[in-house]
Amino acid sequence: MWALVDCDNFFCSCERVFRPDLLHTPLVVLSNNDGCVVARSAESKAMGVQMGTPWFQLQDLYRGRGIVAFSSNYMLYADLSARVMATLRTEAPEVYQYSIDESFLHLEGFDPDGIKEWGEKLAAKVRRWVGVPVSIGMAPTKTLAKVAVKYAKKYAGYHKCCRIADEHQRVEALRRLDLDDVWGIGRRISKRLQARGMKTALDFAEADRAWVRKNFGITGERTWQELNGNDVIPLDVLDTPKKSFMTGRSFPEMLTDFEDVRTHVANFASRCALKLRRQHSVCTMLTTFVNSNYFRPDLEQYSGQASWLFPTATASTSELAEAAVTCLKRCFRPGIRYKRAAVMVYGLSGDDAIQADLFSYNPEQAKRLRELGMALDHINRTQGADTIVLASQQFAQKDAEGKNIKYVNAIRRAHKSPDYSTRLDSFTVK
């Protein structure tokens, strides 16, 4: 038996944890630079707010409707996600985090007669301990658990926990579910299935297995088996370390100066290094990307990239930042108005077995870099993001206090909530 715990409207729910006055207020969370809607509360969905709507359009469309917007606050979301996962681990022996707001629980050995009540109590516990509402779906397979959680979210009568316990419930759940809502069936596959007259998840589950395998490969066959009650999706799909990381974003304004772009690229590389260390990984390859503004056809268009091969795999912030800037020098073209850049690291492996270069590897230096990275991560985690950074990460612009603007403040976030979960000074004492 599997359970899927899915946080309800997660980003919006996180914002409400420290703002209970907004419990029934329509909320939206905006993308980087306050561009467009990336998360909606239930109230916003009911009003017809669509994902991806630009914020300036939303202001015009829903003026006077009381919608409250928040800039993305990923530090807050990551912290509350960790608290949700820690709470789940107090009740379940096997927890596999699938995304920032989803986790699969393996419920082998649990009493089937009391398991739904247990799920209802778990949902209440997470809400009480963390403040974030969750919905739970239970079923014999991971895909059916995904199906069950949709009903737990939709119908209040399930009390935040829906269980598919027998064949009749499985058939009825699939009969009422659109193809587009099935985990593993994307929009493209859905169109192909609908062209053959299939409309529901049950239609797909009742299709011929050999036909499914021939047309949609092993992945499609796995989905088919899961919908038919066979648990075949391997655990490594849920708990496998990432094979690459990419960090990048659009700039608030178009940039032409190399130093401005360089600072962003150095910060992207720093974020990649942090992700590597959190996963206990090192990388062997790095690529820097730059792009012009494709929404401005009146301007010269350009897309460039350059790569770097490390002699010895690394997760050092300084080494990755230096390599990323070197790559930027290779692909930067003067006169272009740049709107976006990114850094990707790949060729990942565990940091416990690094293949060293015979001629250039310095074990003492490598040890110092690892210790330095760990120290930086600890300080920035406890004292606030970007408390200590490389010189190359500092923006030339100054804030009102005459200090270099930090990366976390270099993007447009006019509606950002305070760092309630990490900074005591975010609370106003009256």
Protein backbone atom coordinates (compact mmCIF):
# COMPACT_ATOMS: atom_id res chain seq x y z
CA MET A 1 0.00 0.00 0.00
CA TRP A 2 1.22 3.47 -0.96
CA ALA A 3 0.14 6.88 0.25
CA LEU A 4 0.80 10.14 -1.56
CA VAL A 5 0.86 13.23 0.65
CA ASP A 6 0.31 16.34 -1.45
CA CYS A 7 0.37 19.84 0.04
CA ASP A 8 -2.67 21.89 -1.01
CA ASN A 9 -1.84 24.98 -3.09
CA PHE A 10 1.58 24.79 -1.47
CA PHE A 11 3.14 28.18 -2.21
CA CYS A 12 -0.05 30.03 -1.25
CA SER A 13 -0.45 27.88 1.87
CA CYS A 14 3.11 28.73 2.93
CA GLU A 15 2.34 32.44 2.68
CA ARG A 16 -0.72 31.95 4.86
CA VAL A 17 1.17 30.17 7.66
CA PHE A 18 2.41 33.50 9.01
CA ARG A 19 -0.57 35.48 7.66
CA PRO A 20 -3.70 33.80 9.08
CA ASP A 21 -5.64 36.95 8.27
CA LEU A 22 -5.44 35.89 4.61
CA LEU A 23 -6.99 32.46 5.20
CA HIS A 24 -9.99 33.08 2.92
CA THR A 25 -8.46 35.79 0.73
CA PRO A 26 -7.71 35.02 -2.94
CA LEU A 27 -3.92 34.73 -3.25
CA VAL A 28 -1.47 34.33 -6.13
CA VAL A 29 2.29 33.78 -6.11
CA LEU A 30 4.30 35.33 -8.92
CA SER A 31 7.29 34.04 -10.83
CA ASN A 32 10.77 35.56 -10.71
CA ASN A 33 10.80 39.31 -11.27
CA ASP A 34 7.06 39.35 -10.49
CA GLY A 35 6.29 38.21 -14.01
CA CYS A 36 3.30 35.88 -14.05
CA VAL A 37 1.14 33.68 -11.83
CA VAL A 38 2.78 30.38 -10.80
CA ALA A 39 0.52 29.44 -7.88
CA ARG A 40 -3.11 30.14 -6.96
CA SER A 41 -5.19 29.66 -3.85
CA ALA A 42 -8.55 27.90 -4.10
CA GLU A 43 -10.27 31.29 -3.95
CA SER A 44 -8.25 32.57 -6.91
CA LYS A 45 -9.02 29.46 -8.93
CA ALA A 46 -12.73 29.93 -8.23
CA MET A 47 -12.49 33.49 -9.57
CA GLY A 48 -11.09 32.15 -12.85
CA VAL A 49 -7.45 33.19 -12.42
CA GLN A 50 -5.32 31.18 -14.84
CA MET A 51 -1.76 29.92 -14.40
CA GLY A 52 0.75 31.94 -16.36
CA THR A 53 -1.30 35.13 -16.41
CA PRO A 54 1.04 38.15 -16.40
CA TRP A 55 0.72 40.17 -13.21
CA PHE A 56 0.04 43.43 -15.03
CA GLN A 57 -2.88 41.80 -16.86
CA LEU A 58 -4.21 40.27 -13.67
CA GLN A 59 -4.28 43.69 -12.05
CA ASP A 60 -6.45 44.98 -14.87
CA LEU A 61 -8.70 41.92 -15.12
CA TYR A 62 -9.44 41.63 -11.40
CA ARG A 63 -9.12 45.21 -10.22
CA GLY A 64 -11.11 45.73 -7.02
CA ARG A 65 -11.59 41.97 -6.44
CA GLY A 66 -9.22 41.84 -3.46
CA ILE A 67 -6.54 39.53 -4.90
CA VAL A 68 -3.31 39.59 -2.87
CA ALA A 69 -0.06 38.85 -4.72
CA PHE A 70 3.20 37.56 -3.28
CA SER A 71 6.60 37.42 -4.93
CA SER A 72 8.19 33.97 -4.91
CA ASN A 73 9.89 33.28 -1.57
CA TYR A 74 11.67 30.00 -2.17
CA MET A 75 13.58 30.13 1.12
CA LEU A 76 10.24 30.06 2.95
CA TYR A 77 8.80 27.30 0.75
CA ALA A 78 11.88 25.09 1.09
CA ASP A 79 11.93 25.51 4.87
CA LEU A 80 8.26 24.65 5.31
CA SER A 81 8.63 21.73 2.90
CA ALA A 82 11.40 20.34 5.10
CA ARG A 83 9.14 20.72 8.14
CA VAL A 84 6.32 18.83 6.40
CA MET A 85 8.68 15.99 5.46
CA ALA A 86 10.07 15.81 9.01
CA THR A 87 6.51 15.51 10.34
CA LEU A 88 5.71 12.70 7.91
CA ARG A 89 8.78 10.79 9.08
CA THR A 90 7.42 10.76 12.63
CA GLU A 91 4.52 8.58 11.42
CA ALA A 92 5.84 6.54 8.48
CA PRO A 93 9.04 4.47 8.31
CA GLU A 94 9.58 4.94 4.56
CA VAL A 95 9.16 8.44 3.12
CA TYR A 96 10.22 9.27 -0.44
CA GLN A 97 10.07 12.96 -1.27
CA TYR A 98 9.02 13.34 -4.88
CA SER A 99 8.87 17.14 -5.15
CA ILE A 100 8.86 20.19 -2.91
CA ASP A 101 5.22 19.52 -1.99
CA GLU A 102 4.74 15.77 -2.56
CA SER A 103 5.95 12.63 -0.82
CA PHE A 104 5.18 8.94 -1.22
CA LEU A 105 4.84 6.86 1.96
CA HIS A 106 5.28 3.08 1.84
CA LEU A 107 2.67 1.61 4.20
CA GLU A 108 3.77 -2.02 4.18
CA GLY A 109 2.56 -3.77 7.35
CA PHE A 110 -0.03 -1.14 8.29
CA ASP A 111 -3.40 -2.36 9.53
CA PRO A 112 -5.74 -2.07 6.50
CA ASP A 113 -8.81 -1.63 8.69
CA GLY A 114 -7.49 1.49 10.39
CA ILE A 115 -5.32 2.94 7.66
CA LYS A 116 -7.77 5.57 6.42
CA GLU A 117 -8.33 6.89 9.93
CA TRP A 118 -4.55 6.97 10.33
CA GLY A 119 -4.30 9.04 7.15
CA GLU A 120 -6.91 11.51 8.36
CA LYS A 121 -5.01 11.93 11.63
CA LEU A 122 -1.73 12.40 9.73
CA ALA A 123 -3.24 15.19 7.61
CA ALA A 124 -4.50 16.88 10.78
CA LYS A 125 -1.08 16.49 12.42
CA VAL A 126 0.74 18.17 9.52
CA ARG A 127 -1.78 21.02 9.57
CA ARG A 128 -1.40 21.41 13.35
CA TRP A 129 2.42 21.13 13.47
CA VAL A 130 3.36 23.06 10.32
CA GLY A 131 0.27 25.03 9.34
CA VAL A 132 0.17 23.68 5.79
CA PRO A 133 -2.94 21.73 4.67
CA VAL A 134 -2.30 18.41 2.92
CA SER A 135 -4.37 15.82 1.07
CA ILE A 136 -3.56 12.10 1.13
CA GLY A 137 -4.33 9.43 -1.46
CA MET A 138 -3.93 5.72 -0.67
CA ALA A 139 -3.83 2.85 -3.15
CA PRO A 140 -1.95 -0.34 -4.06
CA THR A 141 0.20 1.51 -6.61
CA LYS A 142 1.88 4.92 -6.82
CA THR A 143 -0.14 6.00 -9.87
CA LEU A 144 -3.43 5.02 -8.25
CA ALA A 145 -2.34 6.93 -5.12
CA LYS A 146 -2.00 9.96 -7.41
CA VAL A 147 -5.55 9.33 -8.57
CA ALA A 148 -6.84 9.00 -5.01
CA VAL A 149 -5.25 12.26 -3.87
CA LYS A 150 -7.18 14.14 -6.56
CA TYR A 151 -10.44 12.98 -5.01
CA ALA A 152 -9.17 13.79 -1.50
CA LYS A 153 -8.59 17.36 -2.66
CA LYS A 154 -11.87 17.68 -4.53
CA TYR A 155 -14.40 16.25 -2.07
CA ALA A 156 -14.61 17.35 1.56
CA GLY A 157 -16.38 14.10 2.50
CA TYR A 158 -13.07 12.23 2.35
CA HIS A 159 -11.73 14.33 5.25
CA LYS A 160 -8.42 14.94 3.43
CA CYS A 161 -7.75 11.22 2.86
CA CYS A 162 -9.10 9.05 0.04
CA ARG A 163 -8.31 5.33 -0.21
CA ILE A 164 -8.79 3.09 -3.25
CA ALA A 165 -9.20 -0.19 -1.41
CA ASP A 166 -10.79 -2.67 -3.85
CA GLU A 167 -11.49 -3.38 -7.52
CA HIS A 168 -14.84 -1.62 -7.54
CA GLN A 169 -13.33 1.59 -6.16
CA ARG A 170 -10.47 1.38 -8.66
CA VAL A 171 -12.82 1.09 -11.63
CA GLU A 172 -15.09 3.89 -10.43
CA ALA A 173 -12.15 6.21 -9.69
CA LEU A 174 -10.71 5.70 -13.18
CA ARG A 175 -14.13 6.00 -14.85
CA ARG A 176 -14.54 9.52 -13.45
CA LEU A 177 -10.97 10.67 -14.22
CA ASP A 178 -9.95 12.46 -17.42
CA LEU A 179 -6.93 11.19 -19.31
CA ASP A 180 -5.14 14.51 -18.79
CA ASP A 181 -5.23 13.95 -15.02
CA VAL A 182 -3.31 10.66 -15.10
CA TRP A 183 0.27 10.74 -13.80
CA GLY A 184 2.47 9.69 -16.72
CA ILE A 185 0.09 10.73 -19.51
CA GLY A 186 1.13 14.10 -20.87
CA ARG A 187 -0.76 16.39 -23.19
CA ARG A 188 0.79 14.89 -26.33
CA ILE A 189 -0.04 11.28 -25.39
CA SER A 190 -3.51 12.33 -24.27
CA LYS A 191 -4.26 13.77 -27.72
CA ARG A 192 -3.17 10.53 -29.39
CA LEU A 193 -5.40 8.50 -27.07
CA GLN A 194 -8.37 10.80 -27.55
CA ALA A 195 -7.96 10.46 -31.31
CA ARG A 196 -8.65 6.75 -30.79
CA GLY A 197 -11.82 7.50 -28.85
CA MET A 198 -10.39 7.22 -25.33
CA LYS A 199 -11.61 9.85 -22.88
CA THR A 200 -11.11 8.51 -19.37
CA ALA A 201 -8.35 6.82 -17.39
CA LEU A 202 -10.46 3.66 -17.43
CA ASP A 203 -10.49 3.66 -21.23
CA PHE A 204 -6.69 3.58 -21.20
CA ALA A 205 -6.51 0.96 -18.45
CA GLU A 206 -8.79 -1.33 -20.49
CA ALA A 207 -6.73 -0.97 -23.67
CA ASP A 208 -4.71 -3.89 -25.01
CA ARG A 209 -1.38 -4.17 -23.19
CA ALA A 210 0.58 -5.13 -26.31
CA TRP A 211 -0.83 -2.12 -28.15
CA VAL A 212 0.15 0.18 -25.28
CA ARG A 213 3.70 -1.22 -25.23
CA LYS A 214 4.06 -0.88 -29.01
CA ASN A 215 2.84 2.73 -29.15
CA PHE A 216 4.04 4.22 -25.87
CA GLY A 217 7.03 2.12 -24.84
CA ILE A 218 7.92 0.81 -21.40
CA THR A 219 6.92 4.06 -19.66
CA GLY A 220 3.41 3.91 -21.09
CA GLU A 221 3.15 0.22 -20.22
CA ARG A 222 4.18 0.97 -16.63
CA THR A 223 1.41 3.54 -16.34
CA TRP A 224 -1.05 1.01 -17.78
CA GLN A 225 0.04 -1.65 -15.26
CA GLU A 226 -0.15 0.78 -12.36
CA LEU A 227 -3.70 1.79 -13.29
CA ASN A 228 -4.56 -1.92 -13.30
CA GLY A 229 -3.27 -2.37 -9.78
CA ASN A 230 0.28 -3.67 -10.43
CA ASP A 231 2.96 -1.79 -8.49
CA VAL A 232 5.79 -1.58 -11.06
CA ILE A 233 7.28 1.93 -10.85
CA PRO A 234 10.72 1.38 -9.26
CA LEU A 235 11.72 3.21 -6.11
CA ASP A 236 14.69 4.83 -7.82
CA VAL A 237 12.21 6.93 -9.82
CA LEU A 238 11.20 8.50 -6.49
CA ASP A 239 14.52 8.64 -4.70
CA THR A 240 17.21 8.99 -7.36
CA PRO A 241 19.70 11.85 -7.08
CA LYS A 242 19.44 14.35 -9.92
CA LYS A 243 21.82 13.82 -12.83
CA SER A 244 22.14 17.53 -13.59
CA PHE A 245 21.32 20.93 -12.15
CA MET A 246 20.51 24.16 -13.94
CA THR A 247 20.14 27.59 -12.38
CA GLY A 248 19.13 30.63 -14.39
CA ARG A 249 16.50 33.27 -14.83
CA SER A 250 15.48 36.28 -16.80
CA PHE A 251 16.94 39.63 -15.77
CA PRO A 252 14.69 42.43 -14.51
CA GLU A 253 16.02 44.60 -17.33
CA MET A 254 17.96 43.83 -20.50
CA LEU A 255 21.71 43.94 -19.92
CA THR A 256 24.51 44.91 -22.29
CA ASP A 257 27.48 45.26 -19.92
CA PHE A 258 29.63 42.16 -19.47
CA GLU A 259 30.19 42.83 -15.76
CA ASP A 260 26.46 42.91 -15.08
CA VAL A 261 25.90 39.59 -16.83
CA ARG A 262 29.03 38.14 -15.21
CA THR A 263 27.71 38.84 -11.72
CA HIS A 264 24.46 36.99 -12.44
CA VAL A 265 26.36 34.05 -13.96
CA ALA A 266 28.66 33.81 -10.91
CA ASN A 267 25.60 33.68 -8.66
CA PHE A 268 23.98 31.00 -10.82
CA ALA A 269 27.14 28.91 -10.51
CA SER A 270 27.11 29.43 -6.74
CA ARG A 271 23.54 28.10 -6.58
CA CYS A 272 24.53 25.05 -8.60
CA ALA A 273 27.42 24.40 -6.19
CA LEU A 274 25.04 24.60 -3.24
CA LYS A 275 22.64 22.11 -4.88
CA LEU A 276 25.53 19.72 -5.52
CA ARG A 277 26.70 19.81 -1.93
CA ARG A 278 23.17 19.30 -0.59
CA GLN A 279 22.94 16.14 -2.69
CA HIS A 280 26.50 15.08 -1.79
CA SER A 281 27.44 15.18 -5.46
CA VAL A 282 30.24 16.58 -7.60
CA CYS A 283 30.19 17.52 -11.29
CA THR A 284 32.63 17.09 -14.17
CA MET A 285 31.03 19.44 -16.74
CA LEU A 286 29.61 22.95 -16.71
CA THR A 287 27.87 24.99 -19.43
CA THR A 288 27.00 28.68 -19.41
CA PHE A 289 24.08 29.92 -21.56
CA VAL A 290 23.13 33.46 -22.58
CA ASN A 291 20.12 34.63 -24.59
CA SER A 292 18.79 37.85 -26.00
CA ASN A 293 15.18 38.95 -25.66
CA TYR A 294 13.14 36.79 -28.06
CA PHE A 295 10.07 38.92 -27.35
CA ARG A 296 11.80 41.87 -28.97
CA PRO A 297 12.10 40.94 -32.67
CA ASP A 298 13.15 44.52 -33.37
CA LEU A 299 16.46 43.83 -31.58
CA GLU A 300 19.38 41.68 -32.69
CA GLN A 301 18.86 38.09 -31.58
CA TYR A 302 21.58 35.86 -30.17
CA SER A 303 21.89 32.59 -28.25
CA GLY A 304 25.31 31.49 -27.07
CA GLN A 305 26.83 28.81 -24.88
CA ALA A 306 30.23 27.47 -23.85
CA SER A 307 31.29 24.48 -21.77
CA TRP A 308 34.04 23.57 -19.31
CA LEU A 309 35.49 20.18 -18.40
CA PHE A 310 36.91 19.89 -14.89
CA PRO A 311 40.07 17.75 -14.56
CA THR A 312 38.70 16.55 -11.20
CA ALA A 313 35.01 16.47 -10.30
CA THR A 314 34.08 19.28 -7.92
CA ALA A 315 31.32 21.02 -5.98
CA SER A 316 33.45 24.02 -5.01
CA THR A 317 31.70 27.38 -5.33
CA SER A 318 34.90 29.14 -6.34
CA GLU A 319 35.82 26.57 -9.01
CA LEU A 320 32.34 26.52 -10.51
CA ALA A 321 32.04 30.32 -10.51
CA GLU A 322 35.45 30.70 -12.17
CA ALA A 323 34.57 28.14 -14.84
CA ALA A 324 31.15 29.71 -15.47
CA VAL A 325 32.66 33.19 -15.95
CA THR A 326 35.38 31.78 -18.25
CA CYS A 327 32.64 30.19 -20.37
CA LEU A 328 30.73 33.47 -20.40
CA LYS A 329 33.81 35.23 -21.79
CA ARG A 330 33.82 32.73 -24.66
CA CYS A 331 30.18 33.15 -25.63
CA PHE A 332 29.51 36.80 -24.72
CA ARG A 333 28.96 39.01 -27.76
CA PRO A 334 29.20 42.80 -27.26
CA GLY A 335 26.27 44.88 -28.41
CA ILE A 336 23.63 42.26 -27.61
CA ARG A 337 20.88 43.17 -25.16
CA TYR A 338 20.74 40.09 -22.93
CA LYS A 339 17.54 39.06 -21.16
CA ARG A 340 18.47 35.68 -19.68
CA ALA A 341 21.44 33.55 -18.63
CA ALA A 342 21.85 30.15 -17.01
CA VAL A 343 24.46 27.73 -15.71
CA MET A 344 24.11 23.94 -15.93
CA VAL A 345 26.29 21.32 -14.22
CA TYR A 346 26.24 17.66 -15.25
CA GLY A 347 28.33 14.54 -15.25
CA LEU A 348 27.36 14.10 -11.59
CA SER A 349 28.65 11.46 -9.21
CA GLY A 350 28.82 10.96 -5.45
CA ASP A 351 31.35 13.03 -3.51
CA ASP A 352 32.58 9.95 -1.64
CA ALA A 353 34.44 8.48 -4.61
CA ILE A 354 36.04 11.21 -6.73
CA GLN A 355 38.20 10.17 -9.68
CA ALA A 356 41.23 12.42 -9.35
CA ASP A 357 43.43 13.77 -12.12
CA LEU A 358 46.89 12.18 -11.90
CA PHE A 359 48.86 15.36 -12.57
CA SER A 360 46.83 18.30 -11.23
CA TYR A 361 44.97 16.92 -8.22
CA ASN A 362 45.96 18.43 -4.90
CA PRO A 363 44.31 16.47 -2.05
CA GLU A 364 45.02 19.16 0.56
CA GLN A 365 43.54 21.89 -1.59
CA ALA A 366 40.51 19.72 -2.37
CA LYS A 367 39.97 19.10 1.35
CA ARG A 368 40.17 22.83 2.12
CA LEU A 369 37.66 23.63 -0.64
CA ARG A 370 35.21 21.04 0.71
CA GLU A 371 35.52 22.39 4.23
CA LEU A 372 35.16 25.95 2.96
CA GLY A 373 31.99 25.04 1.07
CA MET A 374 30.48 23.39 4.14
CA ALA A 375 31.32 26.42 6.28
CA LEU A 376 29.78 28.83 3.77
CA ASP A 377 26.62 26.74 3.55
CA HIS A 378 26.27 26.69 7.35
CA ILE A 379 26.72 30.46 7.72
CA ASN A 380 24.36 31.33 4.87
CA ARG A 381 21.79 28.84 6.15
CA THR A 382 21.81 30.17 9.71
CA GLN A 383 22.51 33.87 9.11
CA GLY A 384 20.59 34.44 5.91
CA ALA A 385 21.17 33.87 2.21
CA ASP A 386 24.23 35.61 0.74
CA THR A 387 25.68 36.55 4.12
CA ILE A 388 29.06 35.42 2.72
CA VAL A 389 29.65 35.36 -1.03
CA LEU A 390 32.50 35.42 -3.51
CA ALA A 391 33.67 38.81 -4.72
CA SER A 392 32.48 37.87 -8.22
CA GLN A 393 28.94 37.47 -6.86
CA GLN A 394 28.65 41.04 -5.65
CA PHE A 395 26.69 43.50 -7.73
CA ALA A 396 28.18 46.91 -8.35
CA GLN A 397 24.92 48.64 -7.47
CA LYS A 398 24.47 49.88 -3.91
CA ASP A 399 21.42 49.71 -1.69
CA ALA A 400 20.06 52.54 0.46
CA GLU A 401 22.70 51.76 3.13
CA GLY A 402 25.57 51.93 0.64
CA LYS A 403 26.13 48.14 0.60
CA ASN A 404 26.47 46.00 -2.50
CA ILE A 405 23.10 44.62 -3.56
CA LYS A 406 22.77 40.91 -2.77
CA TYR A 407 21.77 38.38 -5.39
CA VAL A 408 18.56 37.57 -3.52
CA ASN A 409 17.57 41.22 -3.83
CA ALA A 410 18.82 41.76 -7.37
CA ILE A 411 15.61 40.46 -8.92
CA ARG A 412 12.30 42.26 -8.81
CA ARG A 413 10.32 41.05 -5.78
CA ALA A 414 8.11 43.94 -4.83
CA HIS A 415 5.60 41.69 -3.05
CA LYS A 416 7.96 39.37 -1.19
CA SER A 417 6.94 38.24 2.28
CA PRO A 418 9.45 38.56 5.15
CA ASP A 419 11.75 35.63 6.00
CA TYR A 420 9.56 34.56 8.88
CA SER A 421 10.94 31.05 9.19
CA THR A 422 14.63 31.99 9.23
CA ARG A 423 14.94 35.56 10.55
CA LEU A 424 13.66 36.70 13.94
CA ASP A 425 13.94 40.32 12.86
CA SER A 426 11.20 39.66 10.28
CA PHE A 427 8.67 39.79 13.10
CA THR A 428 7.46 43.19 14.22
CA VAL A 429 7.12 43.43 17.99
CA LYS A 430 4.46 45.88 19.14
